[in-house]
Amino acid sequence: MGKHAYNTSMGKSIKPVTRGLREAIKASGVSRYRIGKDLGISEALLSRFMSGQRGLSLAVLDPLCGYLGLELRKSKRKGA
């Protein structure tokens, strides 16, 4: 589980945070059950997030991103 950054600069298409997070969860090779146990959140919550049925609160996003080694960076937009 390495560091990932979702950068929207340099003309690259914007990857929505939720899609990037879902991809990172899948790519981690760690089960939703294990992630839930390790973070103290329910596997059902992660399952609903993964299927697009619901989002995640910041109280869940912060530890989940840390667990997966993700880093969200803000970059300057061209012309801004």
PDB file of N, CA and C in Angstrom:
ATOM      1  N   MET A   1       0.836  -1.170   0.000  1.00  0.00           N
ATOM      2  CA  MET A   1       0.000   0.000   0.000  1.00  0.00           C
ATOM      3  C   MET A   1       0.888   1.243   0.000  1.00  0.00           C
ATOM      4  N   GLY A   2       1.192   1.759  -1.161  1.00  0.00           N
ATOM      5  CA  GLY A   2       2.064   2.908  -1.263  1.00  0.00           C
ATOM      6  C   GLY A   2       1.305   4.215  -1.299  1.00  0.00           C
ATOM      7  N   LYS A   3       2.078   5.283  -1.420  1.00  0.00           N
ATOM      8  CA  LYS A   3       1.471   6.619  -1.507  1.00  0.00           C
ATOM      9  C   LYS A   3       0.922   6.836  -2.902  1.00  0.00           C
ATOM     10  N   HIS A   4      -0.247   7.407  -2.969  1.00  0.00           N
ATOM     11  CA  HIS A   4      -0.869   7.780  -4.236  1.00  0.00           C
ATOM     12  C   HIS A   4      -1.311   9.222  -4.119  1.00  0.00           C
ATOM     13  N   ALA A   5      -1.239   9.939  -5.217  1.00  0.00           N
ATOM     14  CA  ALA A   5      -1.726  11.312  -5.235  1.00  0.00           C
ATOM     15  C   ALA A   5      -2.623  11.475  -6.440  1.00  0.00           C
ATOM     16  N   TYR A   6      -3.741  12.073  -6.250  1.00  0.00           N
ATOM     17  CA  TYR A   6      -4.649  12.340  -7.341  1.00  0.00           C
ATOM     18  C   TYR A   6      -4.524  13.808  -7.677  1.00  0.00           C
ATOM     19  N   ASN A   7      -3.728  14.087  -8.695  1.00  0.00           N
ATOM     20  CA  ASN A   7      -3.394  15.448  -9.074  1.00  0.00           C
ATOM     21  C   ASN A   7      -4.201  15.815 -10.311  1.00  0.00           C
ATOM     22  N   THR A   8      -4.784  16.995 -10.303  1.00  0.00           N
ATOM     23  CA  THR A   8      -5.621  17.403 -11.428  1.00  0.00           C
ATOM     24  C   THR A   8      -4.931  18.415 -12.318  1.00  0.00           C
ATOM     25  N   SER A   9      -3.650  18.655 -12.129  1.00  0.00           N
ATOM     26  CA  SER A   9      -2.952  19.657 -12.926  1.00  0.00           C
ATOM     27  C   SER A   9      -2.426  19.066 -14.221  1.00  0.00           C
ATOM     28  N   MET A  10      -1.815  19.910 -15.006  1.00  0.00           N
ATOM     29  CA  MET A  10      -1.150  19.546 -16.252  1.00  0.00           C
ATOM     30  C   MET A  10      -2.084  18.953 -17.289  1.00  0.00           C
ATOM     31  N   GLY A  11      -3.315  19.418 -17.337  1.00  0.00           N
ATOM     32  CA  GLY A  11      -4.229  19.004 -18.383  1.00  0.00           C
ATOM     33  C   GLY A  11      -4.741  17.580 -18.265  1.00  0.00           C
ATOM     34  N   LYS A  12      -4.421  16.894 -17.205  1.00  0.00           N
ATOM     35  CA  LYS A  12      -4.913  15.529 -17.018  1.00  0.00           C
ATOM     36  C   LYS A  12      -6.385  15.585 -16.649  1.00  0.00           C
ATOM     37  N   SER A  13      -7.103  14.548 -17.008  1.00  0.00           N
ATOM     38  CA  SER A  13      -8.514  14.536 -16.644  1.00  0.00           C
ATOM     39  C   SER A  13      -8.647  14.414 -15.131  1.00  0.00           C
ATOM     40  N   ILE A  14      -9.685  15.002 -14.597  1.00  0.00           N
ATOM     41  CA  ILE A  14      -9.914  14.986 -13.157  1.00  0.00           C
ATOM     42  C   ILE A  14     -10.479  13.631 -12.758  1.00  0.00           C
ATOM     43  N   LYS A  15      -9.866  13.025 -11.771  1.00  0.00           N
ATOM     44  CA  LYS A  15     -10.354  11.755 -11.241  1.00  0.00           C
ATOM     45  C   LYS A  15     -11.107  12.065  -9.964  1.00  0.00           C
ATOM     46  N   PRO A  16     -12.424  11.865  -9.971  1.00  0.00           N
ATOM     47  CA  PRO A  16     -13.166  12.135  -8.733  1.00  0.00           C
ATOM     48  C   PRO A  16     -12.566  11.363  -7.556  1.00  0.00           C
ATOM     49  N   VAL A  17     -12.551  12.016  -6.418  1.00  0.00           N
ATOM     50  CA  VAL A  17     -11.945  11.427  -5.224  1.00  0.00           C
ATOM     51  C   VAL A  17     -12.575  10.075  -4.905  1.00  0.00           C
ATOM     52  N   THR A  18     -13.904   9.986  -4.982  1.00  0.00           N
ATOM     53  CA  THR A  18     -14.550   8.719  -4.626  1.00  0.00           C
ATOM     54  C   THR A  18     -14.140   7.595  -5.560  1.00  0.00           C
ATOM     55  N   ARG A  19     -14.029   7.885  -6.856  1.00  0.00           N
ATOM     56  CA  ARG A  19     -13.615   6.835  -7.796  1.00  0.00           C
ATOM     57  C   ARG A  19     -12.179   6.406  -7.509  1.00  0.00           C
ATOM     58  N   GLY A  20     -11.311   7.391  -7.262  1.00  0.00           N
ATOM     59  CA  GLY A  20      -9.928   7.059  -6.940  1.00  0.00           C
ATOM     60  C   GLY A  20      -9.808   6.249  -5.661  1.00  0.00           C
ATOM     61  N   LEU A  21     -10.631   6.575  -4.674  1.00  0.00           N
ATOM     62  CA  LEU A  21     -10.605   5.841  -3.413  1.00  0.00           C
ATOM     63  C   LEU A  21     -11.101   4.407  -3.605  1.00  0.00           C
ATOM     64  N   ARG A  22     -12.161   4.245  -4.382  1.00  0.00           N
ATOM     65  CA  ARG A  22     -12.645   2.882  -4.667  1.00  0.00           C
ATOM     66  C   ARG A  22     -11.567   2.062  -5.369  1.00  0.00           C
ATOM     67  N   GLU A  23     -10.892   2.672  -6.329  1.00  0.00           N
ATOM     68  CA  GLU A  23      -9.814   1.972  -7.040  1.00  0.00           C
ATOM     69  C   GLU A  23      -8.686   1.595  -6.084  1.00  0.00           C
ATOM     70  N   ALA A  24      -8.347   2.491  -5.170  1.00  0.00           N
ATOM     71  CA  ALA A  24      -7.265   2.223  -4.216  1.00  0.00           C
ATOM     72  C   ALA A  24      -7.638   1.094  -3.257  1.00  0.00           C
ATOM     73  N   ILE A  25      -8.901   1.055  -2.847  1.00  0.00           N
ATOM     74  CA  ILE A  25      -9.351  -0.028  -1.961  1.00  0.00           C
ATOM     75  C   ILE A  25      -9.217  -1.364  -2.686  1.00  0.00           C
ATOM     76  N   LYS A  26      -9.692  -1.413  -3.930  1.00  0.00           N
ATOM     77  CA  LYS A  26      -9.590  -2.655  -4.709  1.00  0.00           C
ATOM     78  C   LYS A  26      -8.135  -3.053  -4.921  1.00  0.00           C
ATOM     79  N   ALA A  27      -7.296  -2.073  -5.275  1.00  0.00           N
ATOM     80  CA  ALA A  27      -5.892  -2.350  -5.574  1.00  0.00           C
ATOM     81  C   ALA A  27      -5.083  -2.739  -4.338  1.00  0.00           C
ATOM     82  N   SER A  28      -5.586  -2.391  -3.147  1.00  0.00           N
ATOM     83  CA  SER A  28      -4.828  -2.681  -1.923  1.00  0.00           C
ATOM     84  C   SER A  28      -4.697  -4.178  -1.662  1.00  0.00           C
ATOM     85  N   GLY A  29      -5.644  -4.952  -2.170  1.00  0.00           N
ATOM     86  CA  GLY A  29      -5.615  -6.389  -1.912  1.00  0.00           C
ATOM     87  C   GLY A  29      -6.094  -6.757  -0.517  1.00  0.00           C
ATOM     88  N   VAL A  30      -6.556  -5.771   0.232  1.00  0.00           N
ATOM     89  CA  VAL A  30      -7.051  -5.997   1.589  1.00  0.00           C
ATOM     90  C   VAL A  30      -8.574  -6.070   1.511  1.00  0.00           C
ATOM     91  N   SER A  31      -9.152  -7.040   2.189  1.00  0.00           N
ATOM     92  CA  SER A  31     -10.606  -7.191   2.140  1.00  0.00           C
ATOM     93  C   SER A  31     -11.305  -6.048   2.854  1.00  0.00           C
ATOM     94  N   ARG A  32     -12.528  -5.765   2.441  1.00  0.00           N
ATOM     95  CA  ARG A  32     -13.321  -4.731   3.124  1.00  0.00           C
ATOM     96  C   ARG A  32     -13.533  -5.128   4.579  1.00  0.00           C
ATOM     97  N   TYR A  33     -13.688  -6.414   4.840  1.00  0.00           N
ATOM     98  CA  TYR A  33     -13.857  -6.890   6.215  1.00  0.00           C
ATOM     99  C   TYR A  33     -12.629  -6.514   7.053  1.00  0.00           C
ATOM    100  N   ARG A  34     -11.422  -6.775   6.508  1.00  0.00           N
ATOM    101  CA  ARG A  34     -10.181  -6.490   7.242  1.00  0.00           C
ATOM    102  C   ARG A  34     -10.006  -4.990   7.449  1.00  0.00           C
ATOM    103  N   ILE A  35     -10.277  -4.205   6.400  1.00  0.00           N
ATOM    104  CA  ILE A  35     -10.170  -2.746   6.526  1.00  0.00           C
ATOM    105  C   ILE A  35     -11.117  -2.253   7.611  1.00  0.00           C
ATOM    106  N   GLY A  36     -12.354  -2.742   7.568  1.00  0.00           N
ATOM    107  CA  GLY A  36     -13.344  -2.343   8.570  1.00  0.00           C
ATOM    108  C   GLY A  36     -12.910  -2.690   9.978  1.00  0.00           C
ATOM    109  N   LYS A  37     -12.409  -3.909  10.164  1.00  0.00           N
ATOM    110  CA  LYS A  37     -11.940  -4.339  11.491  1.00  0.00           C
ATOM    111  C   LYS A  37     -10.783  -3.465  11.967  1.00  0.00           C
ATOM    112  N   ASP A  38      -9.831  -3.227  11.066  1.00  0.00           N
ATOM    113  CA  ASP A  38      -8.650  -2.440  11.436  1.00  0.00           C
ATOM    114  C   ASP A  38      -9.005  -0.997  11.788  1.00  0.00           C
ATOM    115  N   LEU A  39     -10.029  -0.439  11.127  1.00  0.00           N
ATOM    116  CA  LEU A  39     -10.398   0.960  11.346  1.00  0.00           C
ATOM    117  C   LEU A  39     -11.585   1.144  12.279  1.00  0.00           C
ATOM    118  N   GLY A  40     -12.230   0.051  12.666  1.00  0.00           N
ATOM    119  CA  GLY A  40     -13.381   0.153  13.553  1.00  0.00           C
ATOM    120  C   GLY A  40     -14.636   0.659  12.857  1.00  0.00           C
ATOM    121  N   ILE A  41     -14.775   0.353  11.570  1.00  0.00           N
ATOM    122  CA  ILE A  41     -15.985   0.707  10.828  1.00  0.00           C
ATOM    123  C   ILE A  41     -16.585  -0.568  10.250  1.00  0.00           C
ATOM    124  N   SER A  42     -17.839  -0.512   9.899  1.00  0.00           N
ATOM    125  CA  SER A  42     -18.499  -1.736   9.443  1.00  0.00           C
ATOM    126  C   SER A  42     -18.160  -2.066   7.994  1.00  0.00           C
ATOM    127  N   GLU A  43     -18.066  -3.344   7.711  1.00  0.00           N
ATOM    128  CA  GLU A  43     -17.849  -3.810   6.349  1.00  0.00           C
ATOM    129  C   GLU A  43     -19.029  -3.421   5.490  1.00  0.00           C
ATOM    130  N   ALA A  44     -20.227  -3.381   6.070  1.00  0.00           N
ATOM    131  CA  ALA A  44     -21.427  -2.997   5.325  1.00  0.00           C
ATOM    132  C   ALA A  44     -21.312  -1.565   4.815  1.00  0.00           C
ATOM    133  N   LEU A  45     -20.765  -0.670   5.629  1.00  0.00           N
ATOM    134  CA  LEU A  45     -20.569   0.715   5.214  1.00  0.00           C
ATOM    135  C   LEU A  45     -19.619   0.784   4.021  1.00  0.00           C
ATOM    136  N   LEU A  46     -18.518   0.049   4.098  1.00  0.00           N
ATOM    137  CA  LEU A  46     -17.570   0.017   2.985  1.00  0.00           C
ATOM    138  C   LEU A  46     -18.189  -0.617   1.750  1.00  0.00           C
ATOM    139  N   SER A  47     -18.980  -1.643   1.941  1.00  0.00           N
ATOM    140  CA  SER A  47     -19.644  -2.307   0.827  1.00  0.00           C
ATOM    141  C   SER A  47     -20.587  -1.353   0.099  1.00  0.00           C
ATOM    142  N   ARG A  48     -21.370  -0.582   0.863  1.00  0.00           N
ATOM    143  CA  ARG A  48     -22.289   0.386   0.254  1.00  0.00           C
ATOM    144  C   ARG A  48     -21.523   1.497  -0.459  1.00  0.00           C
ATOM    145  N   PHE A  49     -20.384   1.907   0.104  1.00  0.00           N
ATOM    146  CA  PHE A  49     -19.544   2.900  -0.561  1.00  0.00           C
ATOM    147  C   PHE A  49     -18.998   2.336  -1.876  1.00  0.00           C
ATOM    148  N   MET A  50     -18.494   1.118  -1.831  1.00  0.00           N
ATOM    149  CA  MET A  50     -17.896   0.511  -3.022  1.00  0.00           C
ATOM    150  C   MET A  50     -18.916   0.327  -4.144  1.00  0.00           C
ATOM    151  N   SER A  51     -20.167   0.096  -3.786  1.00  0.00           N
ATOM    152  CA  SER A  51     -21.203  -0.095  -4.803  1.00  0.00           C
ATOM    153  C   SER A  51     -21.815   1.224  -5.266  1.00  0.00           C
ATOM    154  N   GLY A  52     -21.395   2.333  -4.663  1.00  0.00           N
ATOM    155  CA  GLY A  52     -21.906   3.638  -5.048  1.00  0.00           C
ATOM    156  C   GLY A  52     -23.229   4.001  -4.397  1.00  0.00           C
ATOM    157  N   GLN A  53     -23.682   3.212  -3.424  1.00  0.00           N
ATOM    158  CA  GLN A  53     -24.948   3.469  -2.762  1.00  0.00           C
ATOM    159  C   GLN A  53     -24.864   4.604  -1.748  1.00  0.00           C
ATOM    160  N   ARG A  54     -23.656   4.894  -1.261  1.00  0.00           N
ATOM    161  CA  ARG A  54     -23.509   5.967  -0.282  1.00  0.00           C
ATOM    162  C   ARG A  54     -22.081   6.489  -0.286  1.00  0.00           C
ATOM    163  N   GLY A  55     -21.914   7.659   0.309  1.00  0.00           N
ATOM    164  CA  GLY A  55     -20.595   8.245   0.444  1.00  0.00           C
ATOM    165  C   GLY A  55     -20.029   7.942   1.820  1.00  0.00           C
ATOM    166  N   LEU A  56     -18.899   8.547   2.103  1.00  0.00           N
ATOM    167  CA  LEU A  56     -18.255   8.370   3.401  1.00  0.00           C
ATOM    168  C   LEU A  56     -18.064   9.734   4.046  1.00  0.00           C
ATOM    169  N   SER A  57     -18.186   9.782   5.345  1.00  0.00           N
ATOM    170  CA  SER A  57     -17.970  11.031   6.080  1.00  0.00           C
ATOM    171  C   SER A  57     -16.465  11.289   6.191  1.00  0.00           C
ATOM    172  N   LEU A  58     -16.110  12.521   6.508  1.00  0.00           N
ATOM    173  CA  LEU A  58     -14.700  12.842   6.720  1.00  0.00           C
ATOM    174  C   LEU A  58     -14.121  12.051   7.891  1.00  0.00           C
ATOM    175  N   ALA A  59     -14.959  11.740   8.856  1.00  0.00           N
ATOM    176  CA  ALA A  59     -14.503  10.956  10.010  1.00  0.00           C
ATOM    177  C   ALA A  59     -14.049   9.558   9.580  1.00  0.00           C
ATOM    178  N   VAL A  60     -14.567   9.073   8.460  1.00  0.00           N
ATOM    179  CA  VAL A  60     -14.158   7.774   7.924  1.00  0.00           C
ATOM    180  C   VAL A  60     -13.087   7.965   6.855  1.00  0.00           C
ATOM    181  N   LEU A  61     -13.234   8.998   6.031  1.00  0.00           N
ATOM    182  CA  LEU A  61     -12.284   9.219   4.936  1.00  0.00           C
ATOM    183  C   LEU A  61     -10.853   9.427   5.418  1.00  0.00           C
ATOM    184  N   ASP A  62     -10.672  10.251   6.428  1.00  0.00           N
ATOM    185  CA  ASP A  62      -9.319  10.545   6.902  1.00  0.00           C
ATOM    186  C   ASP A  62      -8.565   9.285   7.332  1.00  0.00           C
ATOM    187  N   PRO A  63      -9.136   8.472   8.234  1.00  0.00           N
ATOM    188  CA  PRO A  63      -8.395   7.272   8.622  1.00  0.00           C
ATOM    189  C   PRO A  63      -8.252   6.264   7.478  1.00  0.00           C
ATOM    190  N   LEU A  64      -9.258   6.189   6.607  1.00  0.00           N
ATOM    191  CA  LEU A  64      -9.192   5.253   5.486  1.00  0.00           C
ATOM    192  C   LEU A  64      -8.062   5.647   4.533  1.00  0.00           C
ATOM    193  N   CYS A  65      -7.963   6.921   4.213  1.00  0.00           N
ATOM    194  CA  CYS A  65      -6.878   7.377   3.346  1.00  0.00           C
ATOM    195  C   CYS A  65      -5.519   7.115   3.985  1.00  0.00           C
ATOM    196  N   GLY A  66      -5.408   7.369   5.286  1.00  0.00           N
ATOM    197  CA  GLY A  66      -4.162   7.070   5.984  1.00  0.00           C
ATOM    198  C   GLY A  66      -3.829   5.595   5.943  1.00  0.00           C
ATOM    199  N   TYR A  67      -4.818   4.760   6.134  1.00  0.00           N
ATOM    200  CA  TYR A  67      -4.648   3.306   6.115  1.00  0.00           C
ATOM    201  C   TYR A  67      -4.124   2.841   4.758  1.00  0.00           C
ATOM    202  N   LEU A  68      -4.655   3.444   3.698  1.00  0.00           N
ATOM    203  CA  LEU A  68      -4.276   3.047   2.341  1.00  0.00           C
ATOM    204  C   LEU A  68      -3.031   3.767   1.838  1.00  0.00           C
ATOM    205  N   GLY A  69      -2.513   4.715   2.631  1.00  0.00           N
ATOM    206  CA  GLY A  69      -1.329   5.457   2.215  1.00  0.00           C
ATOM    207  C   GLY A  69      -1.637   6.487   1.137  1.00  0.00           C
ATOM    208  N   LEU A  70      -2.867   6.994   1.124  1.00  0.00           N
ATOM    209  CA  LEU A  70      -3.268   7.976   0.119  1.00  0.00           C
ATOM    210  C   LEU A  70      -3.025   9.388   0.610  1.00  0.00           C
ATOM    211  N   GLU A  71      -2.736  10.264  -0.315  1.00  0.00           N
ATOM    212  CA  GLU A  71      -2.524  11.664  -0.006  1.00  0.00           C
ATOM    213  C   GLU A  71      -3.261  12.486  -1.055  1.00  0.00           C
ATOM    214  N   LEU A  72      -4.072  13.401  -0.621  1.00  0.00           N
ATOM    215  CA  LEU A  72      -4.803  14.275  -1.527  1.00  0.00           C
ATOM    216  C   LEU A  72      -4.096  15.612  -1.557  1.00  0.00           C
ATOM    217  N   ARG A  73      -3.735  16.044  -2.745  1.00  0.00           N
ATOM    218  CA  ARG A  73      -3.013  17.303  -2.890  1.00  0.00           C
ATOM    219  C   ARG A  73      -3.813  18.269  -3.730  1.00  0.00           C
ATOM    220  N   LYS A  74      -3.741  19.520  -3.347  1.00  0.00           N
ATOM    221  CA  LYS A  74      -4.360  20.581  -4.127  1.00  0.00           C
ATOM    222  C   LYS A  74      -3.283  21.150  -5.041  1.00  0.00           C
ATOM    223  N   SER A  75      -3.656  21.359  -6.288  1.00  0.00           N
ATOM    224  CA  SER A  75      -2.714  21.966  -7.210  1.00  0.00           C
ATOM    225  C   SER A  75      -3.338  23.209  -7.822  1.00  0.00           C
ATOM    226  N   LYS A  76      -2.499  24.102  -8.294  1.00  0.00           N
ATOM    227  CA  LYS A  76      -3.010  25.316  -8.932  1.00  0.00           C
ATOM    228  C   LYS A  76      -3.548  24.965 -10.311  1.00  0.00           C
ATOM    229  N   ARG A  77      -4.695  25.551 -10.623  1.00  0.00           N
ATOM    230  CA  ARG A  77      -5.257  25.364 -11.956  1.00  0.00           C
ATOM    231  C   ARG A  77      -4.641  26.383 -12.878  1.00  0.00           C
ATOM    232  N   LYS A  78      -4.546  26.012 -14.144  1.00  0.00           N
ATOM    233  CA  LYS A  78      -4.038  26.965 -15.125  1.00  0.00           C
ATOM    234  C   LYS A  78      -4.952  28.164 -15.180  1.00  0.00           C
ATOM    235  N   GLY A  79      -4.374  29.332 -15.230  1.00  0.00           N
ATOM    236  CA  GLY A  79      -5.145  30.560 -15.324  1.00  0.00           C
ATOM    237  C   GLY A  79      -5.726  31.036 -14.008  1.00  0.00           C
ATOM    238  N   ALA A  80      -5.453  30.309 -12.928  1.00  0.00           N
ATOM    239  CA  ALA A  80      -6.010  30.703 -11.619  1.00  0.00           C
ATOM    240  C   ALA A  80      -5.055  31.603 -10.885  1.00  0.00           C
TER     241      ALA A  80
END
